[in-house]
Amino acid sequence: MKPKINIKKPVLMAGVTILAISLCIILPLEYSKANFISDLSYTFLGLTLAILTIMYGLMGKHFFKGLLFLFLASFVVWCVGNCYFHIQM
């Protein structure tokens, strides 16, 4: 038998709501005042919270394995990118 995936609907709805608020309300307000991409701090904070909430809702108890995979994958991409650009120079 396949293991049943336990999707937490209230957590997913909260993540989607945070994502919608971040993209539809916070981003336009900050974008009108921003000169640089670093000025969009509340937008990035909202997007990060939304992605983490959605990940937890989908992955459940395997949430930390998903975070570990994301960090390792980003580290590998960073290392490969650094090696590639050092070869180009």
C-alpha atoms as a PDB file:
ATOM      1  CA  MET A   1       0.000   0.000   0.000  1.00  0.00           C
ATOM      2  CA  LYS A   2       1.118   3.507  -0.736  1.00  0.00           C
ATOM      3  CA  PRO A   3       1.594   5.815   2.213  1.00  0.00           C
ATOM      4  CA  LYS A   4      -1.199   8.350   2.448  1.00  0.00           C
ATOM      5  CA  ILE A   5      -0.134  11.959   1.977  1.00  0.00           C
ATOM      6  CA  ASN A   6      -1.596  14.099   4.732  1.00  0.00           C
ATOM      7  CA  ILE A   7      -2.259  17.531   3.233  1.00  0.00           C
ATOM      8  CA  LYS A   8      -3.087  20.134   5.857  1.00  0.00           C
ATOM      9  CA  LYS A   9      -5.748  22.272   4.187  1.00  0.00           C
ATOM     10  CA  PRO A  10      -5.914  25.134   6.735  1.00  0.00           C
ATOM     11  CA  VAL A  11      -2.139  25.582   6.550  1.00  0.00           C
ATOM     12  CA  LEU A  12      -2.257  25.577   2.746  1.00  0.00           C
ATOM     13  CA  MET A  13      -5.071  28.128   2.742  1.00  0.00           C
ATOM     14  CA  ALA A  14      -3.061  30.338   5.112  1.00  0.00           C
ATOM     15  CA  GLY A  15      -0.011  30.069   2.834  1.00  0.00           C
ATOM     16  CA  VAL A  16      -1.993  30.956  -0.265  1.00  0.00           C
ATOM     17  CA  THR A  17      -3.601  33.880   1.576  1.00  0.00           C
ATOM     18  CA  ILE A  18      -0.203  35.204   2.684  1.00  0.00           C
ATOM     19  CA  LEU A  19       1.051  34.814  -0.888  1.00  0.00           C
ATOM     20  CA  ALA A  20      -1.932  36.706  -2.318  1.00  0.00           C
ATOM     21  CA  ILE A  21      -1.596  39.528   0.222  1.00  0.00           C
ATOM     22  CA  SER A  22       2.122  39.792  -0.451  1.00  0.00           C
ATOM     23  CA  LEU A  23       1.726  39.927  -4.229  1.00  0.00           C
ATOM     24  CA  CYS A  24      -1.487  41.944  -4.550  1.00  0.00           C
ATOM     25  CA  ILE A  25      -1.203  44.455  -1.700  1.00  0.00           C
ATOM     26  CA  ILE A  26       2.319  44.724  -0.293  1.00  0.00           C
ATOM     27  CA  LEU A  27       4.246  44.549  -3.587  1.00  0.00           C
ATOM     28  CA  PRO A  28       2.399  47.420  -5.337  1.00  0.00           C
ATOM     29  CA  LEU A  29       2.714  49.633  -2.251  1.00  0.00           C
ATOM     30  CA  GLU A  30       6.425  48.997  -1.862  1.00  0.00           C
ATOM     31  CA  TYR A  31       7.126  49.092  -5.607  1.00  0.00           C
ATOM     32  CA  SER A  32       5.817  52.649  -5.896  1.00  0.00           C
ATOM     33  CA  LYS A  33       8.331  53.827  -3.270  1.00  0.00           C
ATOM     34  CA  ALA A  34      11.297  51.566  -4.082  1.00  0.00           C
ATOM     35  CA  ASN A  35      14.416  52.668  -5.917  1.00  0.00           C
ATOM     36  CA  PHE A  36      16.288  49.381  -5.526  1.00  0.00           C
ATOM     37  CA  ILE A  37      15.222  45.757  -5.228  1.00  0.00           C
ATOM     38  CA  SER A  38      16.543  45.722  -1.670  1.00  0.00           C
ATOM     39  CA  ASP A  39      13.802  48.223  -0.735  1.00  0.00           C
ATOM     40  CA  LEU A  40      11.166  45.476  -1.166  1.00  0.00           C
ATOM     41  CA  SER A  41      11.871  43.941   2.246  1.00  0.00           C
ATOM     42  CA  TYR A  42       8.251  43.314   3.322  1.00  0.00           C
ATOM     43  CA  THR A  43       7.475  41.710  -0.034  1.00  0.00           C
ATOM     44  CA  PHE A  44      10.373  39.262   0.322  1.00  0.00           C
ATOM     45  CA  LEU A  45       9.414  38.545   3.929  1.00  0.00           C
ATOM     46  CA  GLY A  46       5.820  37.802   2.901  1.00  0.00           C
ATOM     47  CA  LEU A  47       6.899  35.583   0.007  1.00  0.00           C
ATOM     48  CA  THR A  48       9.292  33.665   2.271  1.00  0.00           C
ATOM     49  CA  LEU A  49       6.612  33.091   4.894  1.00  0.00           C
ATOM     50  CA  ALA A  50       4.130  32.012   2.227  1.00  0.00           C
ATOM     51  CA  ILE A  51       6.533  29.533   0.625  1.00  0.00           C
ATOM     52  CA  LEU A  52       7.516  28.039   3.995  1.00  0.00           C
ATOM     53  CA  THR A  53       3.860  27.748   5.043  1.00  0.00           C
ATOM     54  CA  ILE A  54       2.876  26.081   1.775  1.00  0.00           C
ATOM     55  CA  MET A  55       5.853  23.722   2.037  1.00  0.00           C
ATOM     56  CA  TYR A  56       4.800  22.733   5.556  1.00  0.00           C
ATOM     57  CA  GLY A  57       1.205  22.207   4.418  1.00  0.00           C
ATOM     58  CA  LEU A  58       2.271  19.941   1.573  1.00  0.00           C
ATOM     59  CA  MET A  59       5.150  18.069   3.185  1.00  0.00           C
ATOM     60  CA  GLY A  60       3.973  17.733   6.786  1.00  0.00           C
ATOM     61  CA  LYS A  61       6.511  15.874   8.904  1.00  0.00           C
ATOM     62  CA  HIS A  62       9.006  15.826   6.005  1.00  0.00           C
ATOM     63  CA  PHE A  63       9.259  19.633   6.078  1.00  0.00           C
ATOM     64  CA  PHE A  64      12.837  19.694   7.389  1.00  0.00           C
ATOM     65  CA  LYS A  65      13.949  17.230   4.717  1.00  0.00           C
ATOM     66  CA  GLY A  66      12.549  19.623   2.124  1.00  0.00           C
ATOM     67  CA  LEU A  67      14.410  22.556   3.682  1.00  0.00           C
ATOM     68  CA  LEU A  68      17.617  20.540   3.741  1.00  0.00           C
ATOM     69  CA  PHE A  69      17.133  19.657   0.075  1.00  0.00           C
ATOM     70  CA  LEU A  70      16.593  23.339  -0.825  1.00  0.00           C
ATOM     71  CA  PHE A  71      19.710  24.456   1.039  1.00  0.00           C
ATOM     72  CA  LEU A  72      21.869  21.704  -0.449  1.00  0.00           C
ATOM     73  CA  ALA A  73      20.565  22.351  -3.954  1.00  0.00           C
ATOM     74  CA  SER A  74      21.229  26.086  -3.663  1.00  0.00           C
ATOM     75  CA  PHE A  75      24.734  25.389  -2.329  1.00  0.00           C
ATOM     76  CA  VAL A  76      25.495  23.065  -5.257  1.00  0.00           C
ATOM     77  CA  VAL A  77      24.224  25.647  -7.763  1.00  0.00           C
ATOM     78  CA  TRP A  78      26.319  28.335  -6.053  1.00  0.00           C
ATOM     79  CA  CYS A  79      29.458  26.158  -6.176  1.00  0.00           C
ATOM     80  CA  VAL A  80      28.962  25.225  -9.819  1.00  0.00           C
ATOM     81  CA  GLY A  81      28.324  28.871 -10.715  1.00  0.00           C
ATOM     82  CA  ASN A  82      31.487  29.999  -8.953  1.00  0.00           C
ATOM     83  CA  CYS A  83      33.560  27.317 -10.678  1.00  0.00           C
ATOM     84  CA  TYR A  84      32.081  28.209 -14.073  1.00  0.00           C
ATOM     85  CA  PHE A  85      32.768  31.934 -13.695  1.00  0.00           C
ATOM     86  CA  HIS A  86      36.329  31.356 -12.445  1.00  0.00           C
ATOM     87  CA  ILE A  87      37.011  29.234 -15.519  1.00  0.00           C
ATOM     88  CA  GLN A  88      35.648  31.993 -17.771  1.00  0.00           C
ATOM     89  CA  MET A  89      38.070  34.550 -16.315  1.00  0.00           C
END
